Amino acid sequence: MPRREFRHEFRPGRLVAGLSVLTAALLYGGDAAGAWQTPWFVAFPVVFGGLVLAGTVAALHYMVRRRRDRSTASRENTEAPASTSGSQAMR
C-alpha cells in the first residue's frame, strides 16, 4: 500500500502548545463574560506547563520519527551502491 503524501507533516508539539494557549484564552474569555472567576496568575502555569509538555511531546515525536526513518533506510539499502553504477564506474 503506497504511503499517503500530505501537504505538511504532523507536528504534535505545536498542537499541544496551541491547545495550552487556547485553554488560557478560554479561561480568561469565560472570566470576561462573567461565567466564572479566573485569578490573574492562572495563565502562567497553564501556558508554561503546556509549553513544557509540548517540548516533551515534540522531542518524543522526533525520536520516534528518526528511528522509523533509520529503519526504513536500512531496509532500502539492499541494492548496489550508487558509485558502482554511475559515471564513476566507467573510468
N, C-alpha and C. Protein backbone atom coordinates (compact mmCIF):
# COMPACT_ATOMS: atom_id res chain seq x y z
N MET A 1 0.85 -1.18 0.00
CA MET A 1 0.00 0.00 0.00
C MET A 1 0.89 1.24 0.00
N PRO A 2 0.72 2.15 -0.94
CA PRO A 2 1.58 3.33 -1.01
C PRO A 2 1.29 4.29 0.15
N ARG A 3 2.33 4.98 0.54
CA ARG A 3 2.20 5.95 1.62
C ARG A 3 1.53 7.21 1.11
N ARG A 4 0.61 7.75 1.90
CA ARG A 4 -0.07 8.99 1.50
C ARG A 4 0.85 10.17 1.74
N GLU A 5 0.87 11.07 0.81
CA GLU A 5 1.65 12.29 0.94
C GLU A 5 0.72 13.42 1.38
N PHE A 6 1.09 14.11 2.42
CA PHE A 6 0.30 15.22 2.93
C PHE A 6 0.97 16.54 2.57
N ARG A 7 0.25 17.62 2.72
CA ARG A 7 0.81 18.94 2.42
C ARG A 7 1.92 19.31 3.38
N HIS A 8 1.78 18.92 4.62
CA HIS A 8 2.82 19.17 5.62
C HIS A 8 2.79 18.02 6.61
N GLU A 9 3.87 17.87 7.34
CA GLU A 9 3.90 16.75 8.28
C GLU A 9 3.28 17.16 9.61
N PHE A 10 2.81 16.19 10.32
CA PHE A 10 2.12 16.40 11.59
C PHE A 10 3.12 16.76 12.67
N ARG A 11 2.87 17.84 13.41
CA ARG A 11 3.73 18.29 14.49
C ARG A 11 2.92 18.29 15.79
N PRO A 12 2.97 17.20 16.57
CA PRO A 12 2.15 17.14 17.78
C PRO A 12 2.56 18.13 18.85
N GLY A 13 3.83 18.54 18.89
CA GLY A 13 4.27 19.54 19.87
C GLY A 13 3.58 20.87 19.66
N ARG A 14 3.43 21.25 18.41
CA ARG A 14 2.75 22.51 18.11
C ARG A 14 1.27 22.43 18.45
N LEU A 15 0.70 21.26 18.27
CA LEU A 15 -0.71 21.07 18.63
C LEU A 15 -0.91 21.25 20.13
N VAL A 16 -0.04 20.65 20.93
CA VAL A 16 -0.15 20.76 22.39
C VAL A 16 0.07 22.20 22.83
N ALA A 17 1.06 22.89 22.24
CA ALA A 17 1.31 24.29 22.59
C ALA A 17 0.09 25.16 22.25
N GLY A 18 -0.48 24.94 21.09
CA GLY A 18 -1.66 25.71 20.70
C GLY A 18 -2.85 25.45 21.61
N LEU A 19 -3.02 24.20 22.01
CA LEU A 19 -4.13 23.88 22.91
C LEU A 19 -3.95 24.51 24.29
N SER A 20 -2.70 24.59 24.77
CA SER A 20 -2.48 25.20 26.08
C SER A 20 -2.76 26.71 26.04
N VAL A 21 -2.35 27.38 24.97
CA VAL A 21 -2.63 28.81 24.85
C VAL A 21 -4.13 29.04 24.63
N LEU A 22 -4.76 28.17 23.89
CA LEU A 22 -6.20 28.26 23.68
C LEU A 22 -6.96 28.05 24.99
N THR A 23 -6.46 27.15 25.84
CA THR A 23 -7.08 26.94 27.15
C THR A 23 -6.98 28.18 28.01
N ALA A 24 -5.82 28.84 28.02
CA ALA A 24 -5.67 30.08 28.79
C ALA A 24 -6.62 31.15 28.25
N ALA A 25 -6.74 31.24 26.93
CA ALA A 25 -7.65 32.23 26.34
C ALA A 25 -9.09 31.91 26.70
N LEU A 26 -9.45 30.65 26.73
CA LEU A 26 -10.81 30.25 27.10
C LEU A 26 -11.10 30.58 28.57
N LEU A 27 -10.12 30.36 29.43
CA LEU A 27 -10.31 30.69 30.84
C LEU A 27 -10.55 32.18 31.04
N TYR A 28 -9.74 33.01 30.41
CA TYR A 28 -9.92 34.45 30.55
C TYR A 28 -11.13 34.96 29.77
N GLY A 29 -11.50 34.28 28.70
CA GLY A 29 -12.73 34.65 27.99
C GLY A 29 -13.97 34.38 28.84
N GLY A 30 -13.96 33.26 29.55
CA GLY A 30 -15.07 32.96 30.46
C GLY A 30 -15.13 33.94 31.62
N ASP A 31 -13.95 34.38 32.07
CA ASP A 31 -13.90 35.37 33.14
C ASP A 31 -14.44 36.71 32.65
N ALA A 32 -14.07 37.09 31.43
CA ALA A 32 -14.55 38.37 30.88
C ALA A 32 -16.05 38.34 30.62
N ALA A 33 -16.59 37.17 30.27
CA ALA A 33 -18.03 37.06 30.01
C ALA A 33 -18.83 36.96 31.31
N GLY A 34 -18.16 36.74 32.42
CA GLY A 34 -18.84 36.66 33.70
C GLY A 34 -19.32 35.26 34.04
N ALA A 35 -18.86 34.24 33.31
CA ALA A 35 -19.28 32.87 33.58
C ALA A 35 -18.61 32.31 34.83
N TRP A 36 -17.38 32.71 35.10
CA TRP A 36 -16.63 32.27 36.27
C TRP A 36 -15.54 33.27 36.58
N GLN A 37 -14.90 33.09 37.71
CA GLN A 37 -13.81 33.96 38.13
C GLN A 37 -12.49 33.23 37.92
N THR A 38 -11.56 33.86 37.21
CA THR A 38 -10.24 33.29 36.98
C THR A 38 -9.21 34.23 37.56
N PRO A 39 -8.40 33.76 38.53
CA PRO A 39 -7.35 34.63 39.07
C PRO A 39 -6.32 34.99 38.00
N TRP A 40 -5.64 36.10 38.19
CA TRP A 40 -4.71 36.62 37.19
C TRP A 40 -3.52 35.69 36.97
N PHE A 41 -3.12 34.94 37.97
CA PHE A 41 -1.90 34.13 37.88
C PHE A 41 -2.12 32.76 37.25
N VAL A 42 -3.33 32.43 36.88
CA VAL A 42 -3.63 31.11 36.33
C VAL A 42 -2.98 30.90 34.96
N ALA A 43 -2.79 31.96 34.21
CA ALA A 43 -2.24 31.82 32.86
C ALA A 43 -0.81 31.30 32.88
N PHE A 44 -0.03 31.65 33.88
CA PHE A 44 1.37 31.22 33.91
C PHE A 44 1.54 29.71 33.98
N PRO A 45 0.92 29.01 34.94
CA PRO A 45 1.10 27.55 34.93
C PRO A 45 0.44 26.86 33.74
N VAL A 46 -0.66 27.41 33.25
CA VAL A 46 -1.33 26.78 32.10
C VAL A 46 -0.46 26.89 30.85
N VAL A 47 0.04 28.09 30.57
CA VAL A 47 0.83 28.29 29.36
C VAL A 47 2.20 27.66 29.48
N PHE A 48 2.91 27.90 30.59
CA PHE A 48 4.26 27.35 30.73
C PHE A 48 4.24 25.84 30.89
N GLY A 49 3.26 25.32 31.60
CA GLY A 49 3.12 23.86 31.69
C GLY A 49 2.82 23.25 30.33
N GLY A 50 1.99 23.93 29.55
CA GLY A 50 1.69 23.46 28.19
C GLY A 50 2.90 23.51 27.29
N LEU A 51 3.74 24.54 27.46
CA LEU A 51 4.96 24.63 26.64
C LEU A 51 5.96 23.55 27.00
N VAL A 52 6.07 23.24 28.29
CA VAL A 52 6.96 22.15 28.71
C VAL A 52 6.45 20.82 28.17
N LEU A 53 5.14 20.61 28.27
CA LEU A 53 4.55 19.38 27.73
C LEU A 53 4.72 19.32 26.21
N ALA A 54 4.57 20.46 25.54
CA ALA A 54 4.75 20.50 24.08
C ALA A 54 6.19 20.17 23.69
N GLY A 55 7.15 20.67 24.45
CA GLY A 55 8.54 20.34 24.18
C GLY A 55 8.83 18.87 24.37
N THR A 56 8.24 18.28 25.40
CA THR A 56 8.42 16.84 25.65
C THR A 56 7.80 16.02 24.53
N VAL A 57 6.61 16.38 24.12
CA VAL A 57 5.93 15.67 23.04
C VAL A 57 6.70 15.81 21.73
N ALA A 58 7.23 17.00 21.46
CA ALA A 58 8.00 17.22 20.24
C ALA A 58 9.28 16.39 20.24
N ALA A 59 9.95 16.31 21.39
CA ALA A 59 11.17 15.51 21.49
C ALA A 59 10.88 14.03 21.29
N LEU A 60 9.80 13.54 21.88
CA LEU A 60 9.43 12.14 21.70
C LEU A 60 9.06 11.85 20.25
N HIS A 61 8.33 12.77 19.63
CA HIS A 61 7.96 12.59 18.23
C HIS A 61 9.19 12.58 17.33
N TYR A 62 10.16 13.43 17.63
CA TYR A 62 11.39 13.47 16.85
C TYR A 62 12.15 12.15 16.98
N MET A 63 12.23 11.61 18.19
CA MET A 63 12.94 10.35 18.39
C MET A 63 12.25 9.21 17.66
N VAL A 64 10.93 9.15 17.71
CA VAL A 64 10.19 8.10 17.02
C VAL A 64 10.34 8.23 15.52
N ARG A 65 10.23 9.46 15.00
CA ARG A 65 10.36 9.68 13.56
C ARG A 65 11.77 9.34 13.07
N ARG A 66 12.77 9.69 13.86
CA ARG A 66 14.15 9.40 13.48
C ARG A 66 14.42 7.91 13.46
N ARG A 67 13.89 7.19 14.46
CA ARG A 67 14.07 5.74 14.50
C ARG A 67 13.35 5.08 13.33
N ARG A 68 12.15 5.57 13.00
CA ARG A 68 11.39 5.00 11.89
C ARG A 68 12.10 5.25 10.56
N ASP A 69 12.64 6.46 10.38
CA ASP A 69 13.36 6.77 9.14
C ASP A 69 14.64 5.95 9.03
N ARG A 70 15.31 5.72 10.15
CA ARG A 70 16.53 4.93 10.12
C ARG A 70 16.24 3.49 9.76
N SER A 71 15.17 2.92 10.28
CA SER A 71 14.84 1.53 9.95
C SER A 71 14.37 1.41 8.50
N THR A 72 13.67 2.42 7.99
CA THR A 72 13.24 2.40 6.60
C THR A 72 14.45 2.50 5.67
N ALA A 73 15.40 3.34 6.02
CA ALA A 73 16.60 3.50 5.18
C ALA A 73 17.44 2.23 5.19
N SER A 74 17.49 1.52 6.29
CA SER A 74 18.30 0.30 6.33
C SER A 74 17.66 -0.81 5.50
N ARG A 75 16.34 -0.81 5.35
CA ARG A 75 15.68 -1.80 4.51
C ARG A 75 15.84 -1.48 3.04
N GLU A 76 16.01 -0.20 2.69
CA GLU A 76 16.11 0.19 1.28
C GLU A 76 17.52 0.02 0.74
N ASN A 77 18.52 -0.15 1.56
CA ASN A 77 19.91 -0.21 1.12
C ASN A 77 20.35 -1.64 0.82
N THR A 78 19.57 -2.37 0.06
CA THR A 78 19.94 -3.74 -0.28
C THR A 78 20.52 -3.87 -1.68
N GLU A 79 20.48 -2.79 -2.47
CA GLU A 79 20.99 -2.83 -3.84
C GLU A 79 22.45 -2.40 -3.87
N ALA A 80 23.02 -2.39 -5.06
CA ALA A 80 24.41 -1.98 -5.22
C ALA A 80 24.54 -0.49 -4.92
N PRO A 81 25.67 -0.06 -4.39
CA PRO A 81 25.85 1.36 -4.11
C PRO A 81 25.85 2.18 -5.40
N ALA A 82 25.51 3.44 -5.30
CA ALA A 82 25.39 4.30 -6.48
C ALA A 82 26.73 4.51 -7.16
N SER A 83 27.82 4.43 -6.42
CA SER A 83 29.13 4.71 -7.02
C SER A 83 29.56 3.64 -8.01
N THR A 84 29.03 2.43 -7.92
CA THR A 84 29.41 1.38 -8.86
C THR A 84 28.52 1.35 -10.09
N SER A 85 27.41 2.05 -10.07
CA SER A 85 26.52 2.02 -11.22
C SER A 85 26.45 3.35 -11.95
N GLY A 86 27.19 4.36 -11.49
CA GLY A 86 27.14 5.67 -12.10
C GLY A 86 28.28 5.89 -13.07
N SER A 87 28.53 7.16 -13.38
CA SER A 87 29.55 7.50 -14.37
C SER A 87 30.97 7.22 -13.84
N GLN A 88 31.16 7.16 -12.52
CA GLN A 88 32.48 6.88 -11.98
C GLN A 88 32.92 5.45 -12.28
N ALA A 89 31.98 4.55 -12.49
CA ALA A 89 32.32 3.16 -12.75
C ALA A 89 32.91 2.99 -14.14
N MET A 90 32.75 3.93 -15.05
CA MET A 90 33.25 3.82 -16.42
C MET A 90 34.73 4.18 -16.53
N ARG A 91 35.28 4.84 -15.56
CA ARG A 91 36.68 5.28 -15.63
C ARG A 91 37.66 4.16 -15.58
